[in-house]
Amino acid sequence: MTAPHRVVSLSPNVSMILFALGADEVVVGRTEHCLSAIQQYVRVWRIPEDTVSQRLQHWQAIPVVGVWPFAEAEPIKALQPDVILTSGSGSFGVHEAQTLGVADGALLHFDTRTFADLDRHMTQIGLRLDKLAEAEALIEQLAMKRHEATARLIERPAAPTTVLFEYCVCTTYDPEPDRRVADPAHTILVGGHLAPDLIQLVGGRPLFAQPGDAAKWVTADEIREAQPDMVLQYDCHGCPTARKHPIPARRGWSDLPAVSRRAVYPLQENISDPNLCFPAPLDELVDIVNRRHMKTRI
């Protein structure tokens, strides 16, 4: 199979992989968020920006054909791509090849939910772009980053800590925060994708979402029955709606072991993002587990 010469990436996560594989020269279209995703990858992997400045300028100049998970068909057709790469779970990021003017085999969609998925999808992209050696090297680097992070754990608990990962509380979302609706005393959204894998890596047992699951709604009754030892609170990049509903003040939550023992931890990083930047949330989880361990020893 001939490697494509004109690739359109309709996914920031895929664009990170293309950048990491050194496939910049074949990319002719991207989404509005692809450049910022690549810049995040450069920061997380501590790549000196002056060594990739020309490559970043190249990506900045690539035509924008949509904002993930949406795409504009006519601008994509005008670019005459050989291959279109997309990603997302459920209906997010899914497009029809015919609508975008390519054959079915020229549109590749990736639903990345686990580390195994991420490795497999990097291999598939490497094979398609004649970058297999680069993909295999990247997979080894990711494995090393997981090892280096978990090696910092002070001690693994004798029994896994049960962990609830609160991803979002808004049952009705609106770009305007004041119009969002939330009732976390009744239901919350538990994060999936890479979160269960990461929680297991640091010695935890994820509640409600297991490796391979997407996010799912869970009732407060189910949470009270599960009695989590720890709560990780992300709430969509610090959504102001969530701040109106602090966990200790929610009806029925004060009796949870995580709350009574003050094991509720706000997260700066999104541990569910299925992309190459997972070393940052993994490092944050290791720091939380170590801090909790030191606290229980006092």
C-alpha atoms as a PDB file:
ATOM      1  CA  MET A   1       0.000   0.000   0.000  1.00  0.00           C
ATOM      2  CA  THR A   2       1.405   3.372  -1.056  1.00  0.00           C
ATOM      3  CA  ALA A   3       1.870   5.851   1.773  1.00  0.00           C
ATOM      4  CA  PRO A   4      -0.466   8.853   1.434  1.00  0.00           C
ATOM      5  CA  HIS A   5       0.898  12.238   0.438  1.00  0.00           C
ATOM      6  CA  ARG A   6      -2.088  14.329   1.531  1.00  0.00           C
ATOM      7  CA  VAL A   7      -3.535  13.689   5.010  1.00  0.00           C
ATOM      8  CA  VAL A   8      -6.298  15.587   6.779  1.00  0.00           C
ATOM      9  CA  SER A   9      -6.450  15.216  10.566  1.00  0.00           C
ATOM     10  CA  LEU A  10      -9.861  15.839  12.084  1.00  0.00           C
ATOM     11  CA  SER A  11      -8.651  15.051  15.598  1.00  0.00           C
ATOM     12  CA  PRO A  12      -6.300  16.910  17.961  1.00  0.00           C
ATOM     13  CA  ASN A  13      -5.297  13.585  19.520  1.00  0.00           C
ATOM     14  CA  VAL A  14      -4.401  12.142  16.111  1.00  0.00           C
ATOM     15  CA  SER A  15      -2.463  15.296  15.237  1.00  0.00           C
ATOM     16  CA  MET A  16      -0.328  14.762  18.356  1.00  0.00           C
ATOM     17  CA  ILE A  17       0.554  11.310  17.030  1.00  0.00           C
ATOM     18  CA  LEU A  18       1.327  12.629  13.544  1.00  0.00           C
ATOM     19  CA  PHE A  19       3.629  15.246  15.064  1.00  0.00           C
ATOM     20  CA  ALA A  20       5.316  12.683  17.331  1.00  0.00           C
ATOM     21  CA  LEU A  21       5.915  10.413  14.321  1.00  0.00           C
ATOM     22  CA  GLY A  22       7.435  13.253  12.309  1.00  0.00           C
ATOM     23  CA  ALA A  23       4.715  13.074   9.645  1.00  0.00           C
ATOM     24  CA  ASP A  24       4.218  16.838   9.389  1.00  0.00           C
ATOM     25  CA  GLU A  25       5.007  17.089   5.695  1.00  0.00           C
ATOM     26  CA  VAL A  26       1.992  15.045   4.549  1.00  0.00           C
ATOM     27  CA  VAL A  27      -0.632  16.876   6.637  1.00  0.00           C
ATOM     28  CA  VAL A  28      -2.659  19.327   4.513  1.00  0.00           C
ATOM     29  CA  GLY A  29      -5.663  19.971   6.793  1.00  0.00           C
ATOM     30  CA  ARG A  30      -6.387  20.116  10.520  1.00  0.00           C
ATOM     31  CA  THR A  31      -8.937  21.222  13.105  1.00  0.00           C
ATOM     32  CA  GLU A  32      -8.843  24.470  15.057  1.00  0.00           C
ATOM     33  CA  HIS A  33      -7.611  22.632  18.167  1.00  0.00           C
ATOM     34  CA  CYS A  34      -4.812  20.566  16.592  1.00  0.00           C
ATOM     35  CA  LEU A  35      -2.056  23.158  17.022  1.00  0.00           C
ATOM     36  CA  SER A  36      -2.814  23.750  20.710  1.00  0.00           C
ATOM     37  CA  ALA A  37      -2.867  19.971  21.253  1.00  0.00           C
ATOM     38  CA  ILE A  38       0.575  19.644  19.688  1.00  0.00           C
ATOM     39  CA  GLN A  39       1.864  22.533  21.801  1.00  0.00           C
ATOM     40  CA  GLN A  40       0.529  20.729  24.882  1.00  0.00           C
ATOM     41  CA  TYR A  41       2.403  17.587  23.798  1.00  0.00           C
ATOM     42  CA  VAL A  42       5.610  19.605  23.413  1.00  0.00           C
ATOM     43  CA  ARG A  43       5.193  21.012  26.950  1.00  0.00           C
ATOM     44  CA  VAL A  44       4.302  17.710  28.617  1.00  0.00           C
ATOM     45  CA  TRP A  45       7.187  15.872  26.947  1.00  0.00           C
ATOM     46  CA  ARG A  46       9.523  18.794  27.736  1.00  0.00           C
ATOM     47  CA  ILE A  47      10.670  19.148  24.152  1.00  0.00           C
ATOM     48  CA  PRO A  48      12.667  22.376  23.771  1.00  0.00           C
ATOM     49  CA  GLU A  49      10.411  24.566  21.654  1.00  0.00           C
ATOM     50  CA  ASP A  50      13.315  26.060  19.719  1.00  0.00           C
ATOM     51  CA  THR A  51      14.058  22.564  18.337  1.00  0.00           C
ATOM     52  CA  VAL A  52      10.573  22.254  16.829  1.00  0.00           C
ATOM     53  CA  SER A  53       9.741  25.896  16.078  1.00  0.00           C
ATOM     54  CA  GLN A  54       9.754  25.422  12.298  1.00  0.00           C
ATOM     55  CA  ARG A  55       7.514  22.379  12.616  1.00  0.00           C
ATOM     56  CA  LEU A  56       5.073  24.306  14.799  1.00  0.00           C
ATOM     57  CA  GLN A  57       5.040  27.102  12.231  1.00  0.00           C
ATOM     58  CA  HIS A  58       4.244  24.508   9.579  1.00  0.00           C
ATOM     59  CA  TRP A  59       1.262  23.262  11.590  1.00  0.00           C
ATOM     60  CA  GLN A  60       0.095  26.819  12.204  1.00  0.00           C
ATOM     61  CA  ALA A  61      -0.013  27.395   8.441  1.00  0.00           C
ATOM     62  CA  ILE A  62      -2.011  24.228   7.681  1.00  0.00           C
ATOM     63  CA  PRO A  63      -5.594  25.078   6.629  1.00  0.00           C
ATOM     64  CA  VAL A  64      -8.250  24.662   9.330  1.00  0.00           C
ATOM     65  CA  VAL A  65     -11.233  22.600   8.197  1.00  0.00           C
ATOM     66  CA  GLY A  66     -13.331  22.435  11.352  1.00  0.00           C
ATOM     67  CA  VAL A  67     -13.523  22.417  15.117  1.00  0.00           C
ATOM     68  CA  TRP A  68     -13.450  18.904  16.616  1.00  0.00           C
ATOM     69  CA  PRO A  69     -15.713  16.948  16.617  1.00  0.00           C
ATOM     70  CA  PHE A  70     -17.152  18.713  13.564  1.00  0.00           C
ATOM     71  CA  ALA A  71     -15.724  19.169  10.084  1.00  0.00           C
ATOM     72  CA  GLU A  72     -16.581  21.189   6.995  1.00  0.00           C
ATOM     73  CA  ALA A  73     -16.958  18.948   3.933  1.00  0.00           C
ATOM     74  CA  GLU A  74     -16.258  21.398   1.117  1.00  0.00           C
ATOM     75  CA  PRO A  75     -12.918  22.733   2.449  1.00  0.00           C
ATOM     76  CA  ILE A  76     -11.821  19.125   3.028  1.00  0.00           C
ATOM     77  CA  LYS A  77     -12.759  18.091  -0.509  1.00  0.00           C
ATOM     78  CA  ALA A  78     -10.860  21.077  -1.893  1.00  0.00           C
ATOM     79  CA  LEU A  79      -7.672  19.763  -0.239  1.00  0.00           C
ATOM     80  CA  GLN A  80      -8.002  16.451  -2.174  1.00  0.00           C
ATOM     81  CA  PRO A  81      -6.789  14.238   0.696  1.00  0.00           C
ATOM     82  CA  ASP A  82      -5.558  10.665   0.202  1.00  0.00           C
ATOM     83  CA  VAL A  83      -6.445   9.827   3.815  1.00  0.00           C
ATOM     84  CA  ILE A  84      -8.604  11.404   6.514  1.00  0.00           C
ATOM     85  CA  LEU A  85      -7.955  10.534  10.159  1.00  0.00           C
ATOM     86  CA  THR A  86     -10.599  11.011  12.857  1.00  0.00           C
ATOM     87  CA  SER A  87     -11.135  10.011  16.475  1.00  0.00           C
ATOM     88  CA  GLY A  88     -13.815  10.021  19.153  1.00  0.00           C
ATOM     89  CA  SER A  89     -16.248   7.811  21.057  1.00  0.00           C
ATOM     90  CA  GLY A  90     -19.900   7.269  20.268  1.00  0.00           C
ATOM     91  CA  SER A  91     -21.111   9.850  17.772  1.00  0.00           C
ATOM     92  CA  PHE A  92     -18.265  12.291  18.529  1.00  0.00           C
ATOM     93  CA  GLY A  93     -15.772  12.737  15.723  1.00  0.00           C
ATOM     94  CA  VAL A  94     -17.486  10.224  13.411  1.00  0.00           C
ATOM     95  CA  HIS A  95     -17.782  11.226   9.745  1.00  0.00           C
ATOM     96  CA  GLU A  96     -18.889   9.487   6.569  1.00  0.00           C
ATOM     97  CA  ALA A  97     -16.235   9.009   3.882  1.00  0.00           C
ATOM     98  CA  GLN A  98     -18.677   9.744   1.061  1.00  0.00           C
ATOM     99  CA  THR A  99     -19.636  13.076   2.606  1.00  0.00           C
ATOM    100  CA  LEU A 100     -15.964  14.088   2.739  1.00  0.00           C
ATOM    101  CA  GLY A 101     -15.228  12.950  -0.815  1.00  0.00           C
ATOM    102  CA  VAL A 102     -12.997   9.931  -0.142  1.00  0.00           C
ATOM    103  CA  ALA A 103     -13.365   6.155  -0.417  1.00  0.00           C
ATOM    104  CA  ASP A 104     -14.368   4.194   2.682  1.00  0.00           C
ATOM    105  CA  GLY A 105     -10.853   2.798   3.098  1.00  0.00           C
ATOM    106  CA  ALA A 106      -9.383   6.300   3.065  1.00  0.00           C
ATOM    107  CA  LEU A 107     -11.180   7.401   6.241  1.00  0.00           C
ATOM    108  CA  LEU A 108      -9.719   5.909   9.420  1.00  0.00           C
ATOM    109  CA  HIS A 109     -11.502   6.424  12.739  1.00  0.00           C
ATOM    110  CA  PHE A 110      -9.919   5.716  16.127  1.00  0.00           C
ATOM    111  CA  ASP A 111     -11.901   5.206  19.331  1.00  0.00           C
ATOM    112  CA  THR A 112      -9.061   5.265  21.872  1.00  0.00           C
ATOM    113  CA  ARG A 113     -10.034   4.217  25.396  1.00  0.00           C
ATOM    114  CA  THR A 114      -7.087   2.270  26.850  1.00  0.00           C
ATOM    115  CA  PHE A 115      -3.296   2.175  26.703  1.00  0.00           C
ATOM    116  CA  ALA A 116      -3.603  -0.918  24.501  1.00  0.00           C
ATOM    117  CA  ASP A 117      -5.868   1.029  22.136  1.00  0.00           C
ATOM    118  CA  LEU A 118      -3.393   3.910  22.014  1.00  0.00           C
ATOM    119  CA  ASP A 119      -0.493   1.573  21.171  1.00  0.00           C
ATOM    120  CA  ARG A 120      -2.555  -0.207  18.514  1.00  0.00           C
ATOM    121  CA  HIS A 121      -3.728   3.022  16.909  1.00  0.00           C
ATOM    122  CA  MET A 122      -0.190   4.430  16.789  1.00  0.00           C
ATOM    123  CA  THR A 123       0.890   1.216  15.061  1.00  0.00           C
ATOM    124  CA  GLN A 124      -1.956   1.484  12.537  1.00  0.00           C
ATOM    125  CA  ILE A 125      -1.098   5.110  11.753  1.00  0.00           C
ATOM    126  CA  GLY A 126       2.597   4.226  11.507  1.00  0.00           C
ATOM    127  CA  LEU A 127       1.855   1.422   9.069  1.00  0.00           C
ATOM    128  CA  ARG A 128      -0.397   3.618   6.934  1.00  0.00           C
ATOM    129  CA  LEU A 129       2.167   6.437   6.742  1.00  0.00           C
ATOM    130  CA  ASP A 130       5.270   4.257   6.376  1.00  0.00           C
ATOM    131  CA  LYS A 131       6.358   5.324   9.878  1.00  0.00           C
ATOM    132  CA  LEU A 132       6.217   1.968  11.658  1.00  0.00           C
ATOM    133  CA  ALA A 133       9.712   2.216  13.181  1.00  0.00           C
ATOM    134  CA  GLU A 134       8.848   5.646  14.588  1.00  0.00           C
ATOM    135  CA  ALA A 135       5.569   4.300  15.995  1.00  0.00           C
ATOM    136  CA  GLU A 136       7.311   1.388  17.692  1.00  0.00           C
ATOM    137  CA  ALA A 137       9.873   3.750  19.229  1.00  0.00           C
ATOM    138  CA  LEU A 138       7.074   6.023  20.489  1.00  0.00           C
ATOM    139  CA  ILE A 139       5.273   3.056  22.082  1.00  0.00           C
ATOM    140  CA  GLU A 140       8.492   2.156  23.930  1.00  0.00           C
ATOM    141  CA  GLN A 141       8.872   5.748  25.136  1.00  0.00           C
ATOM    142  CA  LEU A 142       5.308   5.739  26.487  1.00  0.00           C
ATOM    143  CA  ALA A 143       5.929   2.487  28.349  1.00  0.00           C
ATOM    144  CA  MET A 144       9.075   4.014  29.862  1.00  0.00           C
ATOM    145  CA  LYS A 145       7.154   7.105  30.998  1.00  0.00           C
ATOM    146  CA  ARG A 146       4.586   4.889  32.741  1.00  0.00           C
ATOM    147  CA  HIS A 147       7.383   2.981  34.454  1.00  0.00           C
ATOM    148  CA  GLU A 148       9.203   6.142  35.533  1.00  0.00           C
ATOM    149  CA  ALA A 149       6.047   7.655  37.003  1.00  0.00           C
ATOM    150  CA  THR A 150       4.947   4.579  38.957  1.00  0.00           C
ATOM    151  CA  ALA A 151       8.494   4.064  40.234  1.00  0.00           C
ATOM    152  CA  ARG A 152       7.962   7.274  42.247  1.00  0.00           C
ATOM    153  CA  LEU A 153       5.172   5.664  44.299  1.00  0.00           C
ATOM    154  CA  ILE A 154       6.247   5.510  47.937  1.00  0.00           C
ATOM    155  CA  GLU A 155       4.256   2.380  48.623  1.00  0.00           C
ATOM    156  CA  ARG A 156       1.398   0.482  47.024  1.00  0.00           C
ATOM    157  CA  PRO A 157      -1.549  -0.210  49.356  1.00  0.00           C
ATOM    158  CA  ALA A 158      -2.075  -3.800  50.488  1.00  0.00           C
ATOM    159  CA  ALA A 159      -5.654  -3.564  49.192  1.00  0.00           C
ATOM    160  CA  PRO A 160      -6.608  -1.394  46.202  1.00  0.00           C
ATOM    161  CA  THR A 161      -8.082   1.991  47.087  1.00  0.00           C
ATOM    162  CA  THR A 162     -11.563   2.384  45.615  1.00  0.00           C
ATOM    163  CA  VAL A 163     -11.585   5.552  43.532  1.00  0.00           C
ATOM    164  CA  LEU A 164     -14.472   7.615  42.183  1.00  0.00           C
ATOM    165  CA  PHE A 165     -13.518   9.929  39.306  1.00  0.00           C
ATOM    166  CA  GLU A 166     -16.026  12.759  38.965  1.00  0.00           C
ATOM    167  CA  TYR A 167     -15.659  14.091  35.440  1.00  0.00           C
ATOM    168  CA  CYS A 168     -18.689  16.379  35.226  1.00  0.00           C
ATOM    169  CA  VAL A 169     -21.846  17.345  37.131  1.00  0.00           C
ATOM    170  CA  CYS A 170     -23.769  19.223  34.409  1.00  0.00           C
ATOM    171  CA  THR A 171     -26.793  17.252  33.231  1.00  0.00           C
ATOM    172  CA  THR A 172     -27.584  20.063  30.791  1.00  0.00           C
ATOM    173  CA  TYR A 173     -24.591  21.779  29.215  1.00  0.00           C
ATOM    174  CA  ASP A 174     -24.544  25.289  27.785  1.00  0.00           C
ATOM    175  CA  PRO A 175     -21.543  27.378  26.677  1.00  0.00           C
ATOM    176  CA  GLU A 176     -22.821  30.007  29.080  1.00  0.00           C
ATOM    177  CA  PRO A 177     -22.114  28.673  32.605  1.00  0.00           C
ATOM    178  CA  ASP A 178     -25.112  30.425  34.154  1.00  0.00           C
ATOM    179  CA  ARG A 179     -27.445  28.400  31.926  1.00  0.00           C
ATOM    180  CA  ARG A 180     -26.000  24.990  32.838  1.00  0.00           C
ATOM    181  CA  VAL A 181     -28.062  22.598  34.947  1.00  0.00           C
ATOM    182  CA  ALA A 182     -26.521  20.342  37.583  1.00  0.00           C
ATOM    183  CA  ASP A 183     -27.852  18.150  40.362  1.00  0.00           C
ATOM    184  CA  PRO A 184     -24.824  16.287  41.765  1.00  0.00           C
ATOM    185  CA  ALA A 185     -26.790  15.314  44.869  1.00  0.00           C
ATOM    186  CA  HIS A 186     -28.631  12.999  42.479  1.00  0.00           C
ATOM    187  CA  THR A 187     -26.293  12.140  39.576  1.00  0.00           C
ATOM    188  CA  ILE A 188     -22.791  12.814  38.245  1.00  0.00           C
ATOM    189  CA  LEU A 189     -20.778  11.808  35.179  1.00  0.00           C
ATOM    190  CA  VAL A 190     -17.968   9.359  35.976  1.00  0.00           C
ATOM    191  CA  GLY A 191     -15.005   9.580  33.607  1.00  0.00           C
ATOM    192  CA  GLY A 192     -13.789   6.668  31.510  1.00  0.00           C
ATOM    193  CA  HIS A 193     -11.306   6.316  28.639  1.00  0.00           C
ATOM    194  CA  LEU A 194      -7.759   6.390  30.060  1.00  0.00           C
ATOM    195  CA  ALA A 195      -8.879   7.172  33.629  1.00  0.00           C
ATOM    196  CA  PRO A 196      -9.447   3.543  34.750  1.00  0.00           C
ATOM    197  CA  ASP A 197      -6.042   2.492  33.360  1.00  0.00           C
ATOM    198  CA  LEU A 198      -4.308   5.361  35.143  1.00  0.00           C
ATOM    199  CA  ILE A 199      -6.114   4.714  38.436  1.00  0.00           C
ATOM    200  CA  GLN A 200      -5.087   1.056  38.310  1.00  0.00           C
ATOM    201  CA  LEU A 201      -1.476   2.032  37.582  1.00  0.00           C
ATOM    202  CA  VAL A 202      -1.248   3.873  40.915  1.00  0.00           C
ATOM    203  CA  GLY A 203      -2.819   1.037  42.908  1.00  0.00           C
ATOM    204  CA  GLY A 204      -6.455   2.092  42.807  1.00  0.00           C
ATOM    205  CA  ARG A 205      -9.647   0.272  41.873  1.00  0.00           C
ATOM    206  CA  PRO A 206     -11.807   2.479  39.636  1.00  0.00           C
ATOM    207  CA  LEU A 207     -15.490   2.553  40.469  1.00  0.00           C
ATOM    208  CA  PHE A 208     -18.233   2.386  37.819  1.00  0.00           C
ATOM    209  CA  ALA A 209     -15.908   2.750  34.799  1.00  0.00           C
ATOM    210  CA  GLN A 210     -13.455   0.003  33.872  1.00  0.00           C
ATOM    211  CA  PRO A 211     -10.730  -0.044  31.187  1.00  0.00           C
ATOM    212  CA  GLY A 212     -12.434   0.238  27.818  1.00  0.00           C
ATOM    213  CA  ASP A 213     -15.455   2.163  29.122  1.00  0.00           C
ATOM    214  CA  ALA A 214     -16.465   5.654  28.106  1.00  0.00           C
ATOM    215  CA  ALA A 215     -17.939   8.117  30.602  1.00  0.00           C
ATOM    216  CA  LYS A 216     -21.211   7.125  32.271  1.00  0.00           C
ATOM    217  CA  TRP A 217     -23.851   8.691  34.494  1.00  0.00           C
ATOM    218  CA  VAL A 218     -24.012   7.336  38.046  1.00  0.00           C
ATOM    219  CA  THR A 219     -26.578   8.084  40.735  1.00  0.00           C
ATOM    220  CA  ALA A 220     -25.760   9.295  44.232  1.00  0.00           C
ATOM    221  CA  ASP A 221     -27.425   6.167  45.622  1.00  0.00           C
ATOM    222  CA  GLU A 222     -24.956   4.012  43.661  1.00  0.00           C
ATOM    223  CA  ILE A 223     -22.069   6.107  44.960  1.00  0.00           C
ATOM    224  CA  ARG A 224     -23.230   5.798  48.584  1.00  0.00           C
ATOM    225  CA  GLU A 225     -23.518   2.032  48.123  1.00  0.00           C
ATOM    226  CA  ALA A 226     -19.981   1.832  46.671  1.00  0.00           C
ATOM    227  CA  GLN A 227     -18.451   3.866  49.566  1.00  0.00           C
ATOM    228  CA  PRO A 228     -15.367   5.189  47.691  1.00  0.00           C
ATOM    229  CA  ASP A 229     -12.106   5.598  49.614  1.00  0.00           C
ATOM    230  CA  MET A 230     -11.037   8.471  47.361  1.00  0.00           C
ATOM    231  CA  VAL A 231     -12.739  10.974  45.082  1.00  0.00           C
ATOM    232  CA  LEU A 232     -10.895  12.598  42.179  1.00  0.00           C
ATOM    233  CA  GLN A 233     -12.736  15.714  41.070  1.00  0.00           C
ATOM    234  CA  TYR A 234     -12.045  17.166  37.618  1.00  0.00           C
ATOM    235  CA  ASP A 235     -15.385  18.705  36.585  1.00  0.00           C
ATOM    236  CA  CYS A 236     -14.575  19.717  33.020  1.00  0.00           C
ATOM    237  CA  HIS A 237     -11.610  22.028  33.513  1.00  0.00           C
ATOM    238  CA  GLY A 238     -12.952  23.529  36.753  1.00  0.00           C
ATOM    239  CA  CYS A 239     -16.504  24.234  35.615  1.00  0.00           C
ATOM    240  CA  PRO A 240     -17.974  27.069  37.731  1.00  0.00           C
ATOM    241  CA  THR A 241     -21.246  25.148  37.978  1.00  0.00           C
ATOM    242  CA  ALA A 242     -19.463  22.378  39.895  1.00  0.00           C
ATOM    243  CA  ARG A 243     -18.018  24.899  42.342  1.00  0.00           C
ATOM    244  CA  LYS A 244     -21.573  25.735  43.374  1.00  0.00           C
ATOM    245  CA  HIS A 245     -21.953  22.139  44.604  1.00  0.00           C
ATOM    246  CA  PRO A 246     -18.968  21.319  46.870  1.00  0.00           C
ATOM    247  CA  ILE A 247     -18.785  17.623  47.619  1.00  0.00           C
ATOM    248  CA  PRO A 248     -18.940  17.835  51.440  1.00  0.00           C
ATOM    249  CA  ALA A 249     -22.132  19.896  51.186  1.00  0.00           C
ATOM    250  CA  ARG A 250     -23.990  17.483  48.918  1.00  0.00           C
ATOM    251  CA  ARG A 251     -26.874  15.634  50.519  1.00  0.00           C
ATOM    252  CA  GLY A 252     -25.759  12.175  51.640  1.00  0.00           C
ATOM    253  CA  TRP A 253     -22.107  12.593  50.617  1.00  0.00           C
ATOM    254  CA  SER A 254     -20.667  13.561  54.003  1.00  0.00           C
ATOM    255  CA  ASP A 255     -20.771   9.945  55.212  1.00  0.00           C
ATOM    256  CA  LEU A 256     -18.616   8.645  52.364  1.00  0.00           C
ATOM    257  CA  PRO A 257     -15.185   7.423  53.551  1.00  0.00           C
ATOM    258  CA  ALA A 258     -13.499   9.698  50.999  1.00  0.00           C
ATOM    259  CA  VAL A 259     -15.272  12.737  52.419  1.00  0.00           C
ATOM    260  CA  SER A 260     -15.041  11.898  56.123  1.00  0.00           C
ATOM    261  CA  ARG A 261     -11.308  11.143  55.739  1.00  0.00           C
ATOM    262  CA  ARG A 262     -10.696  14.200  53.574  1.00  0.00           C
ATOM    263  CA  ALA A 263      -9.602  12.166  50.578  1.00  0.00           C
ATOM    264  CA  VAL A 264     -11.278  14.389  47.965  1.00  0.00           C
ATOM    265  CA  TYR A 265      -8.721  15.697  45.488  1.00  0.00           C
ATOM    266  CA  PRO A 266      -9.391  18.326  42.797  1.00  0.00           C
ATOM    267  CA  LEU A 267      -7.445  17.553  39.628  1.00  0.00           C
ATOM    268  CA  GLN A 268      -5.569  19.998  37.440  1.00  0.00           C
ATOM    269  CA  GLU A 269      -5.160  17.430  34.662  1.00  0.00           C
ATOM    270  CA  ASN A 270      -7.838  15.474  32.812  1.00  0.00           C
ATOM    271  CA  ILE A 271      -6.976  11.848  33.542  1.00  0.00           C
ATOM    272  CA  SER A 272      -9.491  10.589  30.982  1.00  0.00           C
ATOM    273  CA  ASP A 273      -7.932  12.219  27.878  1.00  0.00           C
ATOM    274  CA  PRO A 274      -6.878   9.338  25.579  1.00  0.00           C
ATOM    275  CA  ASN A 275      -3.783  10.921  24.082  1.00  0.00           C
ATOM    276  CA  LEU A 276      -0.007  11.238  24.293  1.00  0.00           C
ATOM    277  CA  CYS A 277      -0.177  13.771  27.138  1.00  0.00           C
ATOM    278  CA  PHE A 278      -1.218  11.187  29.760  1.00  0.00           C
ATOM    279  CA  PRO A 279       2.194  11.390  31.544  1.00  0.00           C
ATOM    280  CA  ALA A 280       1.080  14.716  33.072  1.00  0.00           C
ATOM    281  CA  PRO A 281      -2.118  13.353  34.707  1.00  0.00           C
ATOM    282  CA  LEU A 282      -0.250  10.192  35.698  1.00  0.00           C
ATOM    283  CA  ASP A 283       2.363  12.284  37.509  1.00  0.00           C
ATOM    284  CA  GLU A 284      -0.437  14.180  39.267  1.00  0.00           C
ATOM    285  CA  LEU A 285      -2.041  10.899  40.395  1.00  0.00           C
ATOM    286  CA  VAL A 286       1.277   9.614  41.741  1.00  0.00           C
ATOM    287  CA  ASP A 287       1.710  12.853  43.717  1.00  0.00           C
ATOM    288  CA  ILE A 288      -1.812  12.509  45.167  1.00  0.00           C
ATOM    289  CA  VAL A 289      -1.288   8.889  46.192  1.00  0.00           C
ATOM    290  CA  ASN A 290       2.074   9.733  47.793  1.00  0.00           C
ATOM    291  CA  ARG A 291       0.554  12.693  49.641  1.00  0.00           C
ATOM    292  CA  ARG A 292      -2.283  10.520  50.924  1.00  0.00           C
ATOM    293  CA  HIS A 293       0.183   7.840  52.012  1.00  0.00           C
ATOM    294  CA  MET A 294       2.254  10.351  53.983  1.00  0.00           C
ATOM    295  CA  LYS A 295      -0.895  11.774  55.566  1.00  0.00           C
ATOM    296  CA  THR A 296      -2.060   8.362  56.815  1.00  0.00           C
ATOM    297  CA  ARG A 297       1.367   7.680  58.355  1.00  0.00           C
ATOM    298  CA  ILE A 298       1.234  10.806  60.515  1.00  0.00           C
END
